[in-house]
Each structure stands twice: as C-alpha cells, then as structure tokens.
Protein backbone atom coordinates (compact mmCIF):
# COMPACT_ATOMS: atom_id res chain seq x y z
CA MET A 1 90.02 66.50 -22.74
CA ILE A 2 91.80 69.72 -20.85
CA THR A 3 95.48 68.08 -19.60
CA GLU A 4 96.91 68.66 -16.49
CA LEU A 5 99.90 71.71 -17.80
CA GLU A 6 97.19 72.68 -20.06
CA GLN A 7 94.74 73.37 -16.90
CA LYS A 8 97.48 75.34 -14.39
CA LYS A 9 97.80 77.22 -17.43
CA LEU A 10 95.10 78.61 -17.92
CA LYS A 11 94.07 79.27 -14.08
CA ALA A 12 96.99 81.33 -14.92
CA LEU A 13 94.96 83.41 -17.72
CA PHE A 14 91.71 82.65 -16.12
CA ARG A 15 92.93 83.94 -13.03
CA SER A 16 89.25 83.73 -11.92
CA HIS A 17 85.69 83.60 -13.04
CA TYR A 18 85.82 81.94 -16.37
CA THR A 19 82.42 80.15 -16.65
CA GLU A 20 80.63 83.65 -17.00
CA GLU A 21 82.35 83.65 -19.95
CA VAL A 22 81.97 80.16 -21.37
CA LEU A 23 77.70 79.89 -20.76
CA LYS A 24 77.77 82.85 -22.81
CA ILE A 25 79.54 81.03 -25.46
CA LEU A 26 77.68 77.93 -24.66
CA SER A 27 74.57 80.19 -25.42
CA GLU A 28 75.73 81.90 -29.07
CA ARG A 29 76.05 78.62 -29.86
CA LYS A 30 73.29 77.27 -28.60
CA ILE A 31 74.74 74.32 -27.23
CA TYR A 32 72.81 72.93 -24.30
CA ASN A 33 72.90 70.34 -22.30
CA ARG A 34 70.49 66.58 -23.20
CA ASN A 35 67.20 68.46 -21.12
CA GLY A 36 67.30 70.66 -23.78
CA LYS A 37 68.83 73.40 -20.69
CA PRO A 38 71.84 75.63 -20.26
CA HIS A 39 74.99 74.03 -18.89
CA ASN A 40 75.36 74.64 -15.63
CA ALA A 41 78.70 76.30 -13.82
CA LYS A 42 80.04 73.39 -11.65
CA TYR A 43 79.32 71.26 -15.05
CA ILE A 44 81.79 73.41 -16.71
CA ARG A 45 84.18 72.80 -14.12
CA MET A 46 84.28 69.67 -13.80
CA VAL A 47 84.65 69.49 -17.90
CA PHE A 48 87.63 71.87 -16.84
CA GLN A 49 89.23 69.93 -14.52
CA GLY A 50 89.03 66.68 -16.36
CA VAL A 51 86.24 65.11 -13.61
CA ARG A 52 83.43 65.00 -17.31
CA GLN A 53 84.06 65.47 -20.42
CA ASN A 54 82.73 67.31 -23.49
CA PRO A 55 83.99 68.67 -26.59
CA ASN A 56 81.39 71.41 -26.84
CA ILE A 57 82.83 72.62 -23.09
CA GLU A 58 86.38 72.37 -23.83
CA SER A 59 85.59 74.32 -27.51
CA ALA A 60 83.64 77.51 -25.27
CA ILE A 61 86.38 76.99 -22.75
CA TRP A 62 89.54 77.34 -25.62
CA GLN A 63 87.15 80.52 -27.10
CA VAL A 64 87.55 82.04 -23.95
CA ALA A 65 91.28 81.79 -23.14
CA THR A 66 91.79 83.08 -27.00
CA ASN A 67 89.79 85.81 -26.12
CA LYS A 68 91.24 86.46 -23.05
CA LYS A 69 95.07 86.25 -24.07
CA GLN A 70 94.24 88.53 -27.69
CA LYS A 71 92.83 91.21 -25.25
CA LEU A 72 95.80 90.58 -22.68
CA GLU A 73 98.15 91.49 -25.93
CA LEU A 74 96.17 94.40 -27.21
CA GLN A 75 96.49 95.75 -23.24
CA LYS A 76 100.44 95.42 -23.35
CA SER A 77 100.45 96.84 -27.15
CA LEU A 78 99.03 99.70 -26.56
CA LYS A 79 100.76 100.38 -22.80
CA GLN A 80 103.75 99.60 -24.69
CA LYS A 81 102.72 102.12 -27.14
CA ILE A 82 101.88 104.95 -24.44
CA PHE A 83 105.00 104.76 -23.04
CA ASN A 84 107.17 104.83 -26.00
CA SER A 85 105.45 107.53 -27.71
CA LYS A 86 107.87 110.88 -27.47
CA SER A 87 105.78 113.78 -25.99
C-alpha cells in the first residue's frame, strides 16, 4: 500500500498523467482485471490513493516512478554537462 507520504512525493515527481504510463506497463506485463480486461485509469488512481490495494498496480506505479526519476537525473546530468563544458 502506498502511504500518504509516498503519495505526496510521487505526486511531486509525476506532476500529472501517470495513469497512462501505468496502463502501458500493465499491458506489457499482461496484467488484467478479474474480467480479463485492462484496468482503467480510475482504478489505478484508487490504488494510488490507498482506497484499493493491488500489488501489481503498485508495482507498476513504482516502475513509472523509477523511470521518471532516471529520466530527470539524465536531463539534469546533460544540462550540467552542457553548461559546465568549456567552448
């Protein structure tokens, strides 16, 4: 279960539109709801907010967070490289 503190930090990291990325990961992993259909964005938000529990969706949320963090670190590194290089 994602705690309140984790939710706040994840919200700051994601800013918005994280559900599409979570849905993509779930689809790649072939993880569906009990009816054999893809989960919907509303259910993913409910898991994120702690209303529902689903370890597969939580795992996908953490994967999105990891990907986002790595992307931000790469961008920061590239900026530093550009601005610290001598022309």
